[in-house]
Amino acid sequence: MIKQATNRRRPLQSFPSGHAAHTWTLATVLASEYPDKPIVRYGAYAWATGVSLSRISGRKHFPSDVLVEGALGYLVGRYIVRHHASPHSGNYEEKQIHED
């Protein structure tokens, strides 16, 4: 429906980029779950960046499609982390601070 509403000519696919949204959501959750492991944090974000860039270079999406959906994926990931943090994860204390 969004594709029809924007009526943009597109490479092969266009707005939104589900790949970018999904990978940025997962990368954000992984990075937040392992804050003490830089290899996981940087690796997750590098993976999401790589997927996003591949969607542009493969002419599947416009850069704006990937940017918007990547940002949305990041925000969804932060939402998941804040609302589903368990007492056993490093994010529980952060959640408790925000709730007080």
C-alpha atoms as a PDB file:
ATOM      1  CA  MET A   1       0.000   0.000   0.000  1.00  0.00           C
ATOM      2  CA  ILE A   2       2.887   2.387   0.822  1.00  0.00           C
ATOM      3  CA  LYS A   3       4.468   1.644  -2.573  1.00  0.00           C
ATOM      4  CA  GLN A   4       1.265   2.640  -4.356  1.00  0.00           C
ATOM      5  CA  ALA A   5       0.764   5.733  -2.217  1.00  0.00           C
ATOM      6  CA  THR A   6       4.246   7.112  -2.902  1.00  0.00           C
ATOM      7  CA  ASN A   7       4.022   6.302  -6.631  1.00  0.00           C
ATOM      8  CA  ARG A   8       7.815   6.369  -7.060  1.00  0.00           C
ATOM      9  CA  ARG A   9       9.636   4.828  -9.944  1.00  0.00           C
ATOM     10  CA  ARG A  10      11.867   2.274  -8.415  1.00  0.00           C
ATOM     11  CA  PRO A  11      14.950   0.228  -9.115  1.00  0.00           C
ATOM     12  CA  LEU A  12      13.545  -3.263  -8.571  1.00  0.00           C
ATOM     13  CA  GLN A  13      11.793  -2.838  -5.256  1.00  0.00           C
ATOM     14  CA  SER A  14      11.138   0.260  -3.311  1.00  0.00           C
ATOM     15  CA  PHE A  15       9.898   1.683  -0.086  1.00  0.00           C
ATOM     16  CA  PRO A  16       9.927   0.166   2.427  1.00  0.00           C
ATOM     17  CA  SER A  17      13.057  -1.937   2.750  1.00  0.00           C
ATOM     18  CA  GLY A  18      12.055  -4.829   4.964  1.00  0.00           C
ATOM     19  CA  HIS A  19      15.598  -6.221   4.916  1.00  0.00           C
ATOM     20  CA  ALA A  20      16.963  -2.998   6.407  1.00  0.00           C
ATOM     21  CA  ALA A  21      14.221  -2.788   9.022  1.00  0.00           C
ATOM     22  CA  HIS A  22      14.619  -6.385  10.141  1.00  0.00           C
ATOM     23  CA  THR A  23      18.410  -6.379  10.281  1.00  0.00           C
ATOM     24  CA  TRP A  24      18.574  -3.081  12.189  1.00  0.00           C
ATOM     25  CA  THR A  25      15.967  -4.328  14.656  1.00  0.00           C
ATOM     26  CA  LEU A  26      17.906  -7.518  15.305  1.00  0.00           C
ATOM     27  CA  ALA A  27      21.253  -5.724  15.431  1.00  0.00           C
ATOM     28  CA  THR A  28      19.922  -3.250  18.004  1.00  0.00           C
ATOM     29  CA  VAL A  29      18.554  -6.015  20.214  1.00  0.00           C
ATOM     30  CA  LEU A  30      21.786  -8.039  19.976  1.00  0.00           C
ATOM     31  CA  ALA A  31      23.966  -5.026  20.696  1.00  0.00           C
ATOM     32  CA  SER A  32      21.835  -4.130  23.703  1.00  0.00           C
ATOM     33  CA  GLU A  33      21.819  -7.669  25.075  1.00  0.00           C
ATOM     34  CA  TYR A  34      25.619  -7.879  25.007  1.00  0.00           C
ATOM     35  CA  PRO A  35      26.811  -4.402  26.033  1.00  0.00           C
ATOM     36  CA  ASP A  36      30.040  -5.784  27.484  1.00  0.00           C
ATOM     37  CA  LYS A  37      31.022  -7.575  24.244  1.00  0.00           C
ATOM     38  CA  PRO A  38      32.224  -5.039  21.672  1.00  0.00           C
ATOM     39  CA  ILE A  39      32.671  -7.729  19.012  1.00  0.00           C
ATOM     40  CA  VAL A  40      28.947  -8.527  19.198  1.00  0.00           C
ATOM     41  CA  ARG A  41      27.881  -4.875  19.283  1.00  0.00           C
ATOM     42  CA  TYR A  42      30.079  -3.737  16.413  1.00  0.00           C
ATOM     43  CA  GLY A  43      29.548  -6.954  14.504  1.00  0.00           C
ATOM     44  CA  ALA A  44      25.766  -6.634  14.698  1.00  0.00           C
ATOM     45  CA  TYR A  45      25.790  -3.044  13.484  1.00  0.00           C
ATOM     46  CA  ALA A  46      28.359  -3.854  10.776  1.00  0.00           C
ATOM     47  CA  TRP A  47      26.108  -6.678   9.580  1.00  0.00           C
ATOM     48  CA  ALA A  48      23.057  -4.374   9.474  1.00  0.00           C
ATOM     49  CA  THR A  49      25.064  -1.730   7.623  1.00  0.00           C
ATOM     50  CA  GLY A  50      26.284  -4.327   5.123  1.00  0.00           C
ATOM     51  CA  VAL A  51      22.773  -5.593   4.452  1.00  0.00           C
ATOM     52  CA  SER A  52      21.500  -2.043   4.034  1.00  0.00           C
ATOM     53  CA  LEU A  53      24.275  -1.100   1.621  1.00  0.00           C
ATOM     54  CA  SER A  54      23.734  -4.294  -0.365  1.00  0.00           C
ATOM     55  CA  ARG A  55      20.091  -3.329  -0.905  1.00  0.00           C
ATOM     56  CA  ILE A  56      21.258  -0.039  -2.445  1.00  0.00           C
ATOM     57  CA  SER A  57      24.182  -1.395  -4.457  1.00  0.00           C
ATOM     58  CA  GLY A  58      22.026  -4.267  -5.729  1.00  0.00           C
ATOM     59  CA  ARG A  59      19.575  -1.665  -7.009  1.00  0.00           C
ATOM     60  CA  LYS A  60      16.799  -3.151  -4.915  1.00  0.00           C
ATOM     61  CA  HIS A  61      16.013   0.086  -3.065  1.00  0.00           C
ATOM     62  CA  PHE A  62      16.738   3.788  -3.123  1.00  0.00           C
ATOM     63  CA  PRO A  63      19.045   5.088  -0.359  1.00  0.00           C
ATOM     64  CA  SER A  64      16.112   6.933   1.234  1.00  0.00           C
ATOM     65  CA  ASP A  65      14.134   3.672   1.444  1.00  0.00           C
ATOM     66  CA  VAL A  66      16.953   1.987   3.310  1.00  0.00           C
ATOM     67  CA  LEU A  67      17.637   4.970   5.552  1.00  0.00           C
ATOM     68  CA  VAL A  68      14.007   5.343   6.640  1.00  0.00           C
ATOM     69  CA  GLU A  69      13.491   1.646   7.289  1.00  0.00           C
ATOM     70  CA  GLY A  70      16.889   1.263   8.970  1.00  0.00           C
ATOM     71  CA  ALA A  71      15.997   4.067  11.366  1.00  0.00           C
ATOM     72  CA  LEU A  72      12.592   2.520  11.982  1.00  0.00           C
ATOM     73  CA  GLY A  73      14.240  -0.851  12.646  1.00  0.00           C
ATOM     74  CA  TYR A  74      16.617   0.753  15.148  1.00  0.00           C
ATOM     75  CA  LEU A  75      13.699   2.404  16.973  1.00  0.00           C
ATOM     76  CA  VAL A  76      11.745  -0.856  17.056  1.00  0.00           C
ATOM     77  CA  GLY A  77      14.828  -2.601  18.452  1.00  0.00           C
ATOM     78  CA  ARG A  78      15.149  -0.001  21.224  1.00  0.00           C
ATOM     79  CA  TYR A  79      11.454  -0.427  22.011  1.00  0.00           C
ATOM     80  CA  ILE A  80      11.874  -4.200  22.274  1.00  0.00           C
ATOM     81  CA  VAL A  81      14.874  -3.833  24.559  1.00  0.00           C
ATOM     82  CA  ARG A  82      13.111  -1.375  26.860  1.00  0.00           C
ATOM     83  CA  HIS A  83       9.899  -3.364  27.129  1.00  0.00           C
ATOM     84  CA  HIS A  84      11.262  -6.887  27.281  1.00  0.00           C
ATOM     85  CA  ALA A  85      14.381  -6.559  29.414  1.00  0.00           C
ATOM     86  CA  SER A  86      14.679  -9.356  31.958  1.00  0.00           C
ATOM     87  CA  PRO A  87      16.321  -9.181  35.389  1.00  0.00           C
ATOM     88  CA  HIS A  88      19.118 -11.403  34.024  1.00  0.00           C
ATOM     89  CA  SER A  89      20.117  -9.098  31.182  1.00  0.00           C
ATOM     90  CA  GLY A  90      22.356  -6.074  31.529  1.00  0.00           C
ATOM     91  CA  ASN A  91      19.485  -3.864  30.352  1.00  0.00           C
ATOM     92  CA  TYR A  92      17.211  -4.536  33.324  1.00  0.00           C
ATOM     93  CA  GLU A  93      18.889  -1.846  35.439  1.00  0.00           C
ATOM     94  CA  GLU A  94      18.604   0.650  32.579  1.00  0.00           C
ATOM     95  CA  LYS A  95      14.895  -0.135  32.318  1.00  0.00           C
ATOM     96  CA  GLN A  96      14.418   0.269  36.053  1.00  0.00           C
ATOM     97  CA  ILE A  97      16.141   3.676  36.018  1.00  0.00           C
ATOM     98  CA  HIS A  98      13.850   4.899  33.219  1.00  0.00           C
ATOM     99  CA  GLU A  99      10.737   3.694  35.025  1.00  0.00           C
ATOM    100  CA  ASP A 100      11.582   5.548  38.288  1.00  0.00           C
END
